[in-house]
Amino acid sequence: MPYLFLLALSLPIPILHHYLADAATNTTRRGPLLTPAPFLLVKWFGDIAGLIPVILVLLLFLSLKIDRLIRPLVMCSIAILLCAFATFYGWYCCLLLSHVLLQR
C-alpha cells in the first residue's frame, strides 16, 4: 500500500501548520480582522495542506478498484508533487516568519 506511505508523509504538513504557522500568522494581524496579504497565502497553503491527506485517502480507496492508480508512474508523480508542495510551503513560511522576526 504505497498510498499509506504517502499519507504518512503528508500528515506532518497540516499538523505543523495548525500548531506553528497558524499561530505565528495570527500574531501579525493588524486590528481584529486584518491580516497582511503575504500571510494570507500561508493560510491558504495550510488549507490546501489539509486537503492533501483527504485526497490521498480517496485515492487509496479508489486504488482498490482501479489498478492503474497503483502504477509506479502515478506513485512517483504524487510523491514528487507532495515533495514540491512541502518544499515550497516550508520555504515560504520560513522566509515570511524570518522576515517578521528580523523586524521585531
Protein backbone atom coordinates (compact mmCIF):
# COMPACT_ATOMS: atom_id res chain seq x y z
CA MET A 1 0.00 0.00 0.00
CA PRO A 2 2.10 2.91 -1.23
CA TYR A 3 -0.74 5.33 -0.52
CA LEU A 4 -0.38 4.70 3.21
CA PHE A 5 3.27 5.73 2.96
CA LEU A 6 2.33 8.89 1.06
CA LEU A 7 -0.40 9.58 3.62
CA ALA A 8 2.13 9.29 6.45
CA LEU A 9 4.39 11.75 4.60
CA SER A 10 1.57 14.25 4.06
CA LEU A 11 0.24 14.38 7.63
CA PRO A 12 3.01 16.48 9.25
CA ILE A 13 2.33 19.43 6.94
CA PRO A 14 -1.20 20.27 8.19
CA ILE A 15 -0.26 19.39 11.77
CA LEU A 16 2.73 21.75 11.77
CA HIS A 17 0.65 24.41 10.06
CA HIS A 18 -2.04 24.16 12.71
CA TYR A 19 0.34 24.33 15.67
CA LEU A 20 3.14 26.59 14.39
CA ALA A 21 2.43 28.58 11.25
CA ASP A 22 -1.20 29.42 12.01
CA ALA A 23 -0.35 30.72 15.46
CA ALA A 24 2.56 32.76 14.06
CA THR A 25 0.44 34.33 11.33
CA ASN A 26 -2.25 35.28 13.85
CA THR A 27 0.31 37.43 15.68
CA THR A 28 0.81 39.51 12.53
CA ARG A 29 -2.76 40.77 12.44
CA ARG A 30 -3.41 44.47 12.30
CA GLY A 31 -6.58 45.13 14.17
CA PRO A 32 -9.14 42.44 14.90
CA LEU A 33 -9.62 41.18 11.33
CA LEU A 34 -6.86 42.44 9.04
CA THR A 35 -4.07 40.04 8.09
CA PRO A 36 -1.26 41.18 5.79
CA ALA A 37 -1.59 39.80 2.27
CA PRO A 38 1.58 37.64 2.23
CA PHE A 39 0.37 35.80 5.31
CA LEU A 40 -2.96 35.02 3.68
CA LEU A 41 -1.04 32.88 1.19
CA VAL A 42 0.39 30.89 4.11
CA LYS A 43 -3.13 30.38 5.44
CA TRP A 44 -4.34 29.21 2.02
CA PHE A 45 -1.40 26.81 1.71
CA GLY A 46 -2.38 25.46 5.11
CA ASP A 47 -5.92 24.87 3.89
CA ILE A 48 -4.57 23.06 0.82
CA ALA A 49 -2.25 21.02 3.05
CA GLY A 50 -5.30 19.87 5.00
CA LEU A 51 -6.91 18.59 1.79
CA ILE A 52 -3.92 16.52 0.67
CA PRO A 53 -4.44 13.68 3.20
CA VAL A 54 -8.14 13.57 2.30
CA ILE A 55 -7.28 13.25 -1.40
CA LEU A 56 -4.75 10.52 -0.64
CA VAL A 57 -7.33 8.54 1.38
CA LEU A 58 -9.76 8.82 -1.55
CA LEU A 59 -7.05 7.64 -3.93
CA LEU A 60 -6.28 4.76 -1.57
CA PHE A 61 -9.87 3.55 -1.74
CA LEU A 62 -10.03 4.11 -5.49
CA SER A 63 -6.82 2.16 -5.98
CA LEU A 64 -8.54 -0.91 -4.57
CA LYS A 65 -10.88 -0.85 -7.58
CA ILE A 66 -8.74 0.81 -10.26
CA ASP A 67 -5.40 -0.89 -10.82
CA ARG A 68 -3.98 1.99 -12.87
CA LEU A 69 -3.68 4.11 -9.71
CA ILE A 70 -1.03 1.76 -8.31
CA ARG A 71 1.38 2.14 -11.25
CA PRO A 72 4.87 3.40 -10.38
CA LEU A 73 4.43 6.44 -12.64
CA VAL A 74 1.34 7.55 -10.71
CA MET A 75 3.01 6.91 -7.34
CA CYS A 76 6.16 8.82 -8.32
CA SER A 77 4.12 11.71 -9.70
CA ILE A 78 2.14 12.03 -6.48
CA ALA A 79 5.32 11.79 -4.39
CA ILE A 80 7.05 14.47 -6.49
CA LEU A 81 4.03 16.80 -6.22
CA LEU A 82 3.87 16.22 -2.47
CA CYS A 83 7.59 16.96 -2.04
CA ALA A 84 7.36 20.05 -4.24
CA PHE A 85 4.40 21.38 -2.25
CA ALA A 86 6.07 20.68 1.10
CA THR A 87 9.31 22.30 -0.04
CA PHE A 88 7.65 25.43 -1.39
CA TYR A 89 5.34 25.75 1.61
CA GLY A 90 8.20 25.31 4.07
CA TRP A 91 10.42 27.73 2.17
CA TYR A 92 7.68 30.37 2.01
CA CYS A 93 6.84 30.01 5.73
CA CYS A 94 10.48 30.27 6.73
CA LEU A 95 11.01 33.30 4.53
CA LEU A 96 7.98 35.16 5.88
CA LEU A 97 8.45 34.24 9.51
CA SER A 98 12.16 35.08 9.47
CA HIS A 99 11.32 38.42 7.88
CA VAL A 100 8.82 39.15 10.64
CA LEU A 101 11.26 38.08 13.36
CA LEU A 102 14.02 40.27 11.95
CA GLN A 103 11.76 43.33 12.02
CA ARG A 104 10.97 42.95 15.73
